Amino acid sequence: MKVLAIIGTPTREKGYTTRSVEVLEQSLRRKSDVQFEYLYLEDRNLSRCQGHLSCVKFGERQCPFHDEIAPIKAAIEAADVVIFASPVHC
């Protein structure tokens, strides 16, 4: 089973968000053979959506940031399981 963990914390390995995913990874590894991949959004230097809505009106390939997000989309499609982990500051 191929697992992709998309992590949205800027603290990378030092934060509680990543540590929480690591606990989940250890649990999954005890139960089955898994390939675990971590994708840190902080490393991708993604542009923020500008609300052009061209992706909605004309299709996702018309998004001005299509080339930036294409590798992430490919990683998601190749995975059997996707974990989205984001910090909560409250």
PDB file of N, CA and C in Angstrom:
ATOM      1  N   MET A   1       0.860  -1.172   0.000  1.00  0.00           N
ATOM      2  CA  MET A   1       0.000   0.000   0.000  1.00  0.00           C
ATOM      3  C   MET A   1       0.902   1.230   0.000  1.00  0.00           C
ATOM      4  N   LYS A   2       0.588   2.162  -0.854  1.00  0.00           N
ATOM      5  CA  LYS A   2       1.358   3.399  -0.961  1.00  0.00           C
ATOM      6  C   LYS A   2       0.592   4.519  -0.276  1.00  0.00           C
ATOM      7  N   VAL A   3       1.248   5.154   0.709  1.00  0.00           N
ATOM      8  CA  VAL A   3       0.622   6.216   1.498  1.00  0.00           C
ATOM      9  C   VAL A   3       1.373   7.520   1.239  1.00  0.00           C
ATOM     10  N   LEU A   4       0.636   8.554   0.944  1.00  0.00           N
ATOM     11  CA  LEU A   4       1.192   9.897   0.762  1.00  0.00           C
ATOM     12  C   LEU A   4       0.673  10.779   1.885  1.00  0.00           C
ATOM     13  N   ALA A   5       1.582  11.399   2.622  1.00  0.00           N
ATOM     14  CA  ALA A   5       1.202  12.339   3.671  1.00  0.00           C
ATOM     15  C   ALA A   5       1.554  13.746   3.202  1.00  0.00           C
ATOM     16  N   ILE A   6       0.541  14.564   2.994  1.00  0.00           N
ATOM     17  CA  ILE A   6       0.733  15.953   2.589  1.00  0.00           C
ATOM     18  C   ILE A   6       0.654  16.790   3.858  1.00  0.00           C
ATOM     19  N   ILE A   7       1.759  17.441   4.177  1.00  0.00           N
ATOM     20  CA  ILE A   7       1.863  18.138   5.459  1.00  0.00           C
ATOM     21  C   ILE A   7       1.993  19.637   5.217  1.00  0.00           C
ATOM     22  N   GLY A   8       1.121  20.395   5.861  1.00  0.00           N
ATOM     23  CA  GLY A   8       1.059  21.833   5.648  1.00  0.00           C
ATOM     24  C   GLY A   8       1.689  22.670   6.740  1.00  0.00           C
ATOM     25  N   THR A   9       2.546  22.097   7.554  1.00  0.00           N
ATOM     26  CA  THR A   9       3.169  22.878   8.620  1.00  0.00           C
ATOM     27  C   THR A   9       4.512  23.444   8.161  1.00  0.00           C
ATOM     28  N   PRO A  10       4.827  24.684   8.519  1.00  0.00           N
ATOM     29  CA  PRO A  10       6.122  25.246   8.137  1.00  0.00           C
ATOM     30  C   PRO A  10       7.271  24.742   9.009  1.00  0.00           C
ATOM     31  N   THR A  11       6.962  24.056  10.102  1.00  0.00           N
ATOM     32  CA  THR A  11       8.022  23.581  10.999  1.00  0.00           C
ATOM     33  C   THR A  11       8.580  22.229  10.591  1.00  0.00           C
ATOM     34  N   ARG A  12       8.044  21.653   9.544  1.00  0.00           N
ATOM     35  CA  ARG A  12       8.497  20.377   8.998  1.00  0.00           C
ATOM     36  C   ARG A  12       8.563  19.294  10.069  1.00  0.00           C
ATOM     37  N   GLU A  13       9.729  18.663  10.249  1.00  0.00           N
ATOM     38  CA  GLU A  13       9.861  17.520  11.150  1.00  0.00           C
ATOM     39  C   GLU A  13       9.777  17.887  12.622  1.00  0.00           C
ATOM     40  N   LYS A  14       9.902  19.144  12.946  1.00  0.00           N
ATOM     41  CA  LYS A  14       9.958  19.559  14.345  1.00  0.00           C
ATOM     42  C   LYS A  14       8.584  19.730  14.987  1.00  0.00           C
ATOM     43  N   GLY A  15       7.557  19.826  14.195  1.00  0.00           N
ATOM     44  CA  GLY A  15       6.244  20.179  14.717  1.00  0.00           C
ATOM     45  C   GLY A  15       5.395  19.000  15.140  1.00  0.00           C
ATOM     46  N   TYR A  16       4.347  19.305  15.877  1.00  0.00           N
ATOM     47  CA  TYR A  16       3.410  18.283  16.340  1.00  0.00           C
ATOM     48  C   TYR A  16       2.634  17.659  15.182  1.00  0.00           C
ATOM     49  N   THR A  17       2.406  18.413  14.133  1.00  0.00           N
ATOM     50  CA  THR A  17       1.665  17.887  12.993  1.00  0.00           C
ATOM     51  C   THR A  17       2.423  16.718  12.368  1.00  0.00           C
ATOM     52  N   THR A  18       3.699  16.913  12.115  1.00  0.00           N
ATOM     53  CA  THR A  18       4.508  15.841  11.540  1.00  0.00           C
ATOM     54  C   THR A  18       4.631  14.679  12.508  1.00  0.00           C
ATOM     55  N   ARG A  19       4.827  14.977  13.768  1.00  0.00           N
ATOM     56  CA  ARG A  19       4.953  13.898  14.753  1.00  0.00           C
ATOM     57  C   ARG A  19       3.671  13.072  14.829  1.00  0.00           C
ATOM     58  N   SER A  20       2.539  13.703  14.685  1.00  0.00           N
ATOM     59  CA  SER A  20       1.264  12.970  14.688  1.00  0.00           C
ATOM     60  C   SER A  20       1.180  12.018  13.503  1.00  0.00           C
ATOM     61  N   VAL A  21       1.627  12.471  12.344  1.00  0.00           N
ATOM     62  CA  VAL A  21       1.621  11.617  11.158  1.00  0.00           C
ATOM     63  C   VAL A  21       2.616  10.468  11.334  1.00  0.00           C
ATOM     64  N   GLU A  22       3.737  10.734  11.969  1.00  0.00           N
ATOM     65  CA  GLU A  22       4.722   9.679  12.214  1.00  0.00           C
ATOM     66  C   GLU A  22       4.150   8.567  13.099  1.00  0.00           C
ATOM     67  N   VAL A  23       3.344   8.948  14.082  1.00  0.00           N
ATOM     68  CA  VAL A  23       2.690   7.943  14.927  1.00  0.00           C
ATOM     69  C   VAL A  23       1.743   7.086  14.093  1.00  0.00           C
ATOM     70  N   LEU A  24       0.988   7.729  13.220  1.00  0.00           N
ATOM     71  CA  LEU A  24       0.098   7.006  12.326  1.00  0.00           C
ATOM     72  C   LEU A  24       0.891   6.082  11.398  1.00  0.00           C
ATOM     73  N   GLU A  25       2.008   6.576  10.889  1.00  0.00           N
ATOM     74  CA  GLU A  25       2.863   5.758  10.027  1.00  0.00           C
ATOM     75  C   GLU A  25       3.343   4.508  10.766  1.00  0.00           C
ATOM     76  N   GLN A  26       3.806   4.661  11.983  1.00  0.00           N
ATOM     77  CA  GLN A  26       4.280   3.509  12.765  1.00  0.00           C
ATOM     78  C   GLN A  26       3.169   2.487  12.962  1.00  0.00           C
ATOM     79  N   SER A  27       1.978   2.968  13.227  1.00  0.00           N
ATOM     80  CA  SER A  27       0.838   2.070  13.414  1.00  0.00           C
ATOM     81  C   SER A  27       0.520   1.311  12.134  1.00  0.00           C
ATOM     82  N   LEU A  28       0.526   2.007  11.011  1.00  0.00           N
ATOM     83  CA  LEU A  28       0.255   1.358   9.724  1.00  0.00           C
ATOM     84  C   LEU A  28       1.334   0.347   9.373  1.00  0.00           C
ATOM     85  N   ARG A  29       2.564   0.658   9.671  1.00  0.00           N
ATOM     86  CA  ARG A  29       3.671  -0.262   9.359  1.00  0.00           C
ATOM     87  C   ARG A  29       3.582  -1.553  10.171  1.00  0.00           C
ATOM     88  N   ARG A  30       3.054  -1.476  11.398  1.00  0.00           N
ATOM     89  CA  ARG A  30       2.888  -2.673  12.213  1.00  0.00           C
ATOM     90  C   ARG A  30       1.826  -3.597  11.638  1.00  0.00           C
ATOM     91  N   LYS A  31       0.852  -3.028  10.926  1.00  0.00           N
ATOM     92  CA  LYS A  31      -0.279  -3.807  10.422  1.00  0.00           C
ATOM     93  C   LYS A  31      -0.091  -4.319   9.006  1.00  0.00           C
ATOM     94  N   SER A  32       0.685  -3.612   8.197  1.00  0.00           N
ATOM     95  CA  SER A  32       0.857  -4.047   6.811  1.00  0.00           C
ATOM     96  C   SER A  32       2.123  -3.445   6.222  1.00  0.00           C
ATOM     97  N   ASP A  33       2.457  -3.928   5.038  1.00  0.00           N
ATOM     98  CA  ASP A  33       3.616  -3.425   4.314  1.00  0.00           C
ATOM     99  C   ASP A  33       3.188  -2.148   3.586  1.00  0.00           C
ATOM    100  N   VAL A  34       3.785  -1.023   3.969  1.00  0.00           N
ATOM    101  CA  VAL A  34       3.415   0.246   3.347  1.00  0.00           C
ATOM    102  C   VAL A  34       4.653   0.986   2.858  1.00  0.00           C
ATOM    103  N   GLN A  35       4.448   1.745   1.803  1.00  0.00           N
ATOM    104  CA  GLN A  35       5.437   2.716   1.338  1.00  0.00           C
ATOM    105  C   GLN A  35       4.898   4.066   1.784  1.00  0.00           C
ATOM    106  N   PHE A  36       5.657   4.794   2.566  1.00  0.00           N
ATOM    107  CA  PHE A  36       5.191   6.051   3.130  1.00  0.00           C
ATOM    108  C   PHE A  36       6.010   7.191   2.542  1.00  0.00           C
ATOM    109  N   GLU A  37       5.332   8.181   1.985  1.00  0.00           N
ATOM    110  CA  GLU A  37       5.997   9.348   1.410  1.00  0.00           C
ATOM    111  C   GLU A  37       5.474  10.602   2.082  1.00  0.00           C
ATOM    112  N   TYR A  38       6.387  11.487   2.466  1.00  0.00           N
ATOM    113  CA  TYR A  38       6.018  12.767   3.055  1.00  0.00           C
ATOM    114  C   TYR A  38       6.194  13.863   2.010  1.00  0.00           C
ATOM    115  N   LEU A  39       5.176  14.693   1.854  1.00  0.00           N
ATOM    116  CA  LEU A  39       5.241  15.827   0.943  1.00  0.00           C
ATOM    117  C   LEU A  39       4.962  17.075   1.779  1.00  0.00           C
ATOM    118  N   TYR A  40       5.985  17.893   1.952  1.00  0.00           N
ATOM    119  CA  TYR A  40       5.838  19.125   2.730  1.00  0.00           C
ATOM    120  C   TYR A  40       5.504  20.280   1.784  1.00  0.00           C
ATOM    121  N   LEU A  41       4.362  20.886   1.971  1.00  0.00           N
ATOM    122  CA  LEU A  41       3.955  21.987   1.100  1.00  0.00           C
ATOM    123  C   LEU A  41       4.908  23.168   1.216  1.00  0.00           C
ATOM    124  N   GLU A  42       5.537  23.320   2.366  1.00  0.00           N
ATOM    125  CA  GLU A  42       6.505  24.397   2.581  1.00  0.00           C
ATOM    126  C   GLU A  42       7.650  24.323   1.565  1.00  0.00           C
ATOM    127  N   ASP A  43       8.022  23.118   1.160  1.00  0.00           N
ATOM    128  CA  ASP A  43       9.119  22.933   0.209  1.00  0.00           C
ATOM    129  C   ASP A  43       8.725  23.250  -1.229  1.00  0.00           C
ATOM    130  N   ARG A  44       7.455  23.333  -1.499  1.00  0.00           N
ATOM    131  CA  ARG A  44       6.969  23.490  -2.881  1.00  0.00           C
ATOM    132  C   ARG A  44       6.897  24.942  -3.340  1.00  0.00           C
ATOM    133  N   ASN A  45       6.954  25.896  -2.423  1.00  0.00           N
ATOM    134  CA  ASN A  45       6.913  27.318  -2.785  1.00  0.00           C
ATOM    135  C   ASN A  45       5.731  27.612  -3.712  1.00  0.00           C
ATOM    136  N   LEU A  46       4.553  27.192  -3.270  1.00  0.00           N
ATOM    137  CA  LEU A  46       3.349  27.345  -4.076  1.00  0.00           C
ATOM    138  C   LEU A  46       2.819  28.777  -4.038  1.00  0.00           C
ATOM    139  N   SER A  47       2.329  29.223  -5.175  1.00  0.00           N
ATOM    140  CA  SER A  47       1.661  30.520  -5.227  1.00  0.00           C
ATOM    141  C   SER A  47       0.252  30.368  -4.675  1.00  0.00           C
ATOM    142  N   ARG A  48      -0.285  31.433  -4.186  1.00  0.00           N
ATOM    143  CA  ARG A  48      -1.650  31.402  -3.661  1.00  0.00           C
ATOM    144  C   ARG A  48      -2.652  31.662  -4.777  1.00  0.00           C
ATOM    145  N   CYS A  49      -3.792  31.026  -4.650  1.00  0.00           N
ATOM    146  CA  CYS A  49      -4.859  31.221  -5.621  1.00  0.00           C
ATOM    147  C   CYS A  49      -5.263  32.695  -5.637  1.00  0.00           C
ATOM    148  N   GLN A  50      -5.431  33.224  -6.829  1.00  0.00           N
ATOM    149  CA  GLN A  50      -5.811  34.625  -7.002  1.00  0.00           C
ATOM    150  C   GLN A  50      -7.301  34.790  -7.300  1.00  0.00           C
ATOM    151  N   GLY A  51      -8.025  33.688  -7.353  1.00  0.00           N
ATOM    152  CA  GLY A  51      -9.457  33.753  -7.578  1.00  0.00           C
ATOM    153  C   GLY A  51      -9.855  34.089  -9.005  1.00  0.00           C
ATOM    154  N   HIS A  52      -9.013  33.753  -9.963  1.00  0.00           N
ATOM    155  CA  HIS A  52      -9.339  34.026 -11.365  1.00  0.00           C
ATOM    156  C   HIS A  52     -10.523  33.198 -11.854  1.00  0.00           C
ATOM    157  N   LEU A  53     -10.732  32.043 -11.253  1.00  0.00           N
ATOM    158  CA  LEU A  53     -11.789  31.099 -11.601  1.00  0.00           C
ATOM    159  C   LEU A  53     -11.657  30.516 -13.004  1.00  0.00           C
ATOM    160  N   SER A  54     -10.491  30.709 -13.624  1.00  0.00           N
ATOM    161  CA  SER A  54     -10.306  30.129 -14.950  1.00  0.00           C
ATOM    162  C   SER A  54     -10.328  28.604 -14.887  1.00  0.00           C
ATOM    163  N   CYS A  55      -9.926  28.029 -13.747  1.00  0.00           N
ATOM    164  CA  CYS A  55      -9.977  26.565 -13.605  1.00  0.00           C
ATOM    165  C   CYS A  55     -11.424  26.083 -13.573  1.00  0.00           C
ATOM    166  N   VAL A  56     -12.300  26.869 -12.989  1.00  0.00           N
ATOM    167  CA  VAL A  56     -13.710  26.501 -12.906  1.00  0.00           C
ATOM    168  C   VAL A  56     -14.390  26.704 -14.258  1.00  0.00           C
ATOM    169  N   LYS A  57     -14.087  27.812 -14.891  1.00  0.00           N
ATOM    170  CA  LYS A  57     -14.745  28.160 -16.149  1.00  0.00           C
ATOM    171  C   LYS A  57     -14.226  27.361 -17.349  1.00  0.00           C
ATOM    172  N   PHE A  58     -12.900  27.103 -17.376  1.00  0.00           N
ATOM    173  CA  PHE A  58     -12.299  26.530 -18.581  1.00  0.00           C
ATOM    174  C   PHE A  58     -11.538  25.215 -18.351  1.00  0.00           C
ATOM    175  N   GLY A  59     -11.507  24.723 -17.128  1.00  0.00           N
ATOM    176  CA  GLY A  59     -10.809  23.476 -16.826  1.00  0.00           C
ATOM    177  C   GLY A  59      -9.518  23.710 -16.069  1.00  0.00           C
ATOM    178  N   GLU A  60      -9.109  22.685 -15.332  1.00  0.00           N
ATOM    179  CA  GLU A  60      -7.962  22.844 -14.436  1.00  0.00           C
ATOM    180  C   GLU A  60      -6.658  23.166 -15.161  1.00  0.00           C
ATOM    181  N   ARG A  61      -6.522  22.769 -16.413  1.00  0.00           N
ATOM    182  CA  ARG A  61      -5.290  23.078 -17.146  1.00  0.00           C
ATOM    183  C   ARG A  61      -5.153  24.577 -17.432  1.00  0.00           C
ATOM    184  N   GLN A  62      -6.228  25.314 -17.294  1.00  0.00           N
ATOM    185  CA  GLN A  62      -6.187  26.758 -17.514  1.00  0.00           C
ATOM    186  C   GLN A  62      -5.813  27.535 -16.256  1.00  0.00           C
ATOM    187  N   CYS A  63      -5.655  26.834 -15.143  1.00  0.00           N
ATOM    188  CA  CYS A  63      -5.219  27.488 -13.909  1.00  0.00           C
ATOM    189  C   CYS A  63      -3.822  28.067 -14.125  1.00  0.00           C
ATOM    190  N   PRO A  64      -3.574  29.294 -13.711  1.00  0.00           N
ATOM    191  CA  PRO A  64      -2.242  29.886 -13.893  1.00  0.00           C
ATOM    192  C   PRO A  64      -1.152  29.124 -13.141  1.00  0.00           C
ATOM    193  N   PHE A  65      -1.527  28.320 -12.169  1.00  0.00           N
ATOM    194  CA  PHE A  65      -0.565  27.597 -11.346  1.00  0.00           C
ATOM    195  C   PHE A  65      -0.565  26.097 -11.643  1.00  0.00           C
ATOM    196  N   HIS A  66      -1.121  25.718 -12.781  1.00  0.00           N
ATOM    197  CA  HIS A  66      -1.238  24.297 -13.131  1.00  0.00           C
ATOM    198  C   HIS A  66       0.106  23.576 -13.073  1.00  0.00           C
ATOM    199  N   ASP A  67       1.149  24.200 -13.590  1.00  0.00           N
ATOM    200  CA  ASP A  67       2.464  23.547 -13.608  1.00  0.00           C
ATOM    201  C   ASP A  67       3.019  23.352 -12.202  1.00  0.00           C
ATOM    202  N   GLU A  68       2.680  24.249 -11.292  1.00  0.00           N
ATOM    203  CA  GLU A  68       3.149  24.128  -9.913  1.00  0.00           C
ATOM    204  C   GLU A  68       2.477  22.962  -9.187  1.00  0.00           C
ATOM    205  N   ILE A  69       1.192  22.766  -9.457  1.00  0.00           N
ATOM    206  CA  ILE A  69       0.452  21.750  -8.704  1.00  0.00           C
ATOM    207  C   ILE A  69       0.404  20.391  -9.390  1.00  0.00           C
ATOM    208  N   ALA A  70       0.818  20.327 -10.645  1.00  0.00           N
ATOM    209  CA  ALA A  70       0.771  19.057 -11.381  1.00  0.00           C
ATOM    210  C   ALA A  70       1.553  17.928 -10.694  1.00  0.00           C
ATOM    211  N   PRO A  71       2.777  18.172 -10.171  1.00  0.00           N
ATOM    212  CA  PRO A  71       3.485  17.074  -9.498  1.00  0.00           C
ATOM    213  C   PRO A  71       2.779  16.599  -8.225  1.00  0.00           C
ATOM    214  N   ILE A  72       2.116  17.503  -7.533  1.00  0.00           N
ATOM    215  CA  ILE A  72       1.373  17.127  -6.324  1.00  0.00           C
ATOM    216  C   ILE A  72       0.167  16.284  -6.711  1.00  0.00           C
ATOM    217  N   LYS A  73      -0.522  16.705  -7.760  1.00  0.00           N
ATOM    218  CA  LYS A  73      -1.677  15.937  -8.238  1.00  0.00           C
ATOM    219  C   LYS A  73      -1.250  14.540  -8.669  1.00  0.00           C
ATOM    220  N   ALA A  74      -0.119  14.429  -9.353  1.00  0.00           N
ATOM    221  CA  ALA A  74       0.377  13.125  -9.793  1.00  0.00           C
ATOM    222  C   ALA A  74       0.702  12.226  -8.593  1.00  0.00           C
ATOM    223  N   ALA A  75       1.289  12.803  -7.555  1.00  0.00           N
ATOM    224  CA  ALA A  75       1.608  12.029  -6.351  1.00  0.00           C
ATOM    225  C   ALA A  75       0.337  11.537  -5.666  1.00  0.00           C
ATOM    226  N   ILE A  76      -0.693  12.375  -5.647  1.00  0.00           N
ATOM    227  CA  ILE A  76      -1.975  11.985  -5.051  1.00  0.00           C
ATOM    228  C   ILE A  76      -2.594  10.840  -5.845  1.00  0.00           C
ATOM    229  N   GLU A  77      -2.585  10.960  -7.150  1.00  0.00           N
ATOM    230  CA  GLU A  77      -3.182   9.923  -7.998  1.00  0.00           C
ATOM    231  C   GLU A  77      -2.432   8.596  -7.904  1.00  0.00           C
ATOM    232  N   ALA A  78      -1.127   8.641  -7.633  1.00  0.00           N
ATOM    233  CA  ALA A  78      -0.328   7.418  -7.537  1.00  0.00           C
ATOM    234  C   ALA A  78      -0.473   6.723  -6.184  1.00  0.00           C
ATOM    235  N   ALA A  79      -0.990   7.443  -5.199  1.00  0.00           N
ATOM    236  CA  ALA A  79      -1.109   6.883  -3.844  1.00  0.00           C
ATOM    237  C   ALA A  79      -2.409   6.105  -3.673  1.00  0.00           C
ATOM    238  N   ASP A  80      -2.353   5.097  -2.799  1.00  0.00           N
ATOM    239  CA  ASP A  80      -3.560   4.367  -2.412  1.00  0.00           C
ATOM    240  C   ASP A  80      -4.305   5.094  -1.302  1.00  0.00           C
ATOM    241  N   VAL A  81      -3.542   5.765  -0.444  1.00  0.00           N
ATOM    242  CA  VAL A  81      -4.090   6.505   0.701  1.00  0.00           C
ATOM    243  C   VAL A  81      -3.415   7.859   0.754  1.00  0.00           C
ATOM    244  N   VAL A  82      -4.179   8.908   0.998  1.00  0.00           N
ATOM    245  CA  VAL A  82      -3.632  10.247   1.136  1.00  0.00           C
ATOM    246  C   VAL A  82      -4.031  10.793   2.510  1.00  0.00           C
ATOM    247  N   ILE A  83      -3.046  11.276   3.231  1.00  0.00           N
ATOM    248  CA  ILE A  83      -3.279  11.888   4.536  1.00  0.00           C
ATOM    249  C   ILE A  83      -2.994  13.375   4.385  1.00  0.00           C
ATOM    250  N   PHE A  84      -3.957  14.198   4.769  1.00  0.00           N
ATOM    251  CA  PHE A  84      -3.762  15.644   4.778  1.00  0.00           C
ATOM    252  C   PHE A  84      -3.572  16.065   6.240  1.00  0.00           C
ATOM    253  N   ALA A  85      -2.429  16.653   6.544  1.00  0.00           N
ATOM    254  CA  ALA A  85      -2.137  17.054   7.911  1.00  0.00           C
ATOM    255  C   ALA A  85      -1.814  18.542   7.939  1.00  0.00           C
ATOM    256  N   SER A  86      -2.572  19.255   8.737  1.00  0.00           N
ATOM    257  CA  SER A  86      -2.404  20.699   8.832  1.00  0.00           C
ATOM    258  C   SER A  86      -2.396  21.099  10.306  1.00  0.00           C
ATOM    259  N   PRO A  87      -1.531  22.052  10.667  1.00  0.00           N
ATOM    260  CA  PRO A  87      -1.504  22.471  12.064  1.00  0.00           C
ATOM    261  C   PRO A  87      -2.759  23.246  12.438  1.00  0.00           C
ATOM    262  N   VAL A  88      -3.097  23.174  13.705  1.00  0.00           N
ATOM    263  CA  VAL A  88      -4.225  23.940  14.241  1.00  0.00           C
ATOM    264  C   VAL A  88      -3.666  24.836  15.323  1.00  0.00           C
ATOM    265  N   HIS A  89      -3.792  26.135  15.140  1.00  0.00           N
ATOM    266  CA  HIS A  89      -3.275  27.083  16.117  1.00  0.00           C
ATOM    267  C   HIS A  89      -4.459  27.762  16.804  1.00  0.00           C
ATOM    268  N   CYS A  90      -4.743  27.296  17.996  1.00  0.00           N
ATOM    269  CA  CYS A  90      -5.834  27.933  18.742  1.00  0.00           C
ATOM    270  C   CYS A  90      -5.607  27.798  20.226  1.00  0.00           C
TER     271      CYS A  90
END
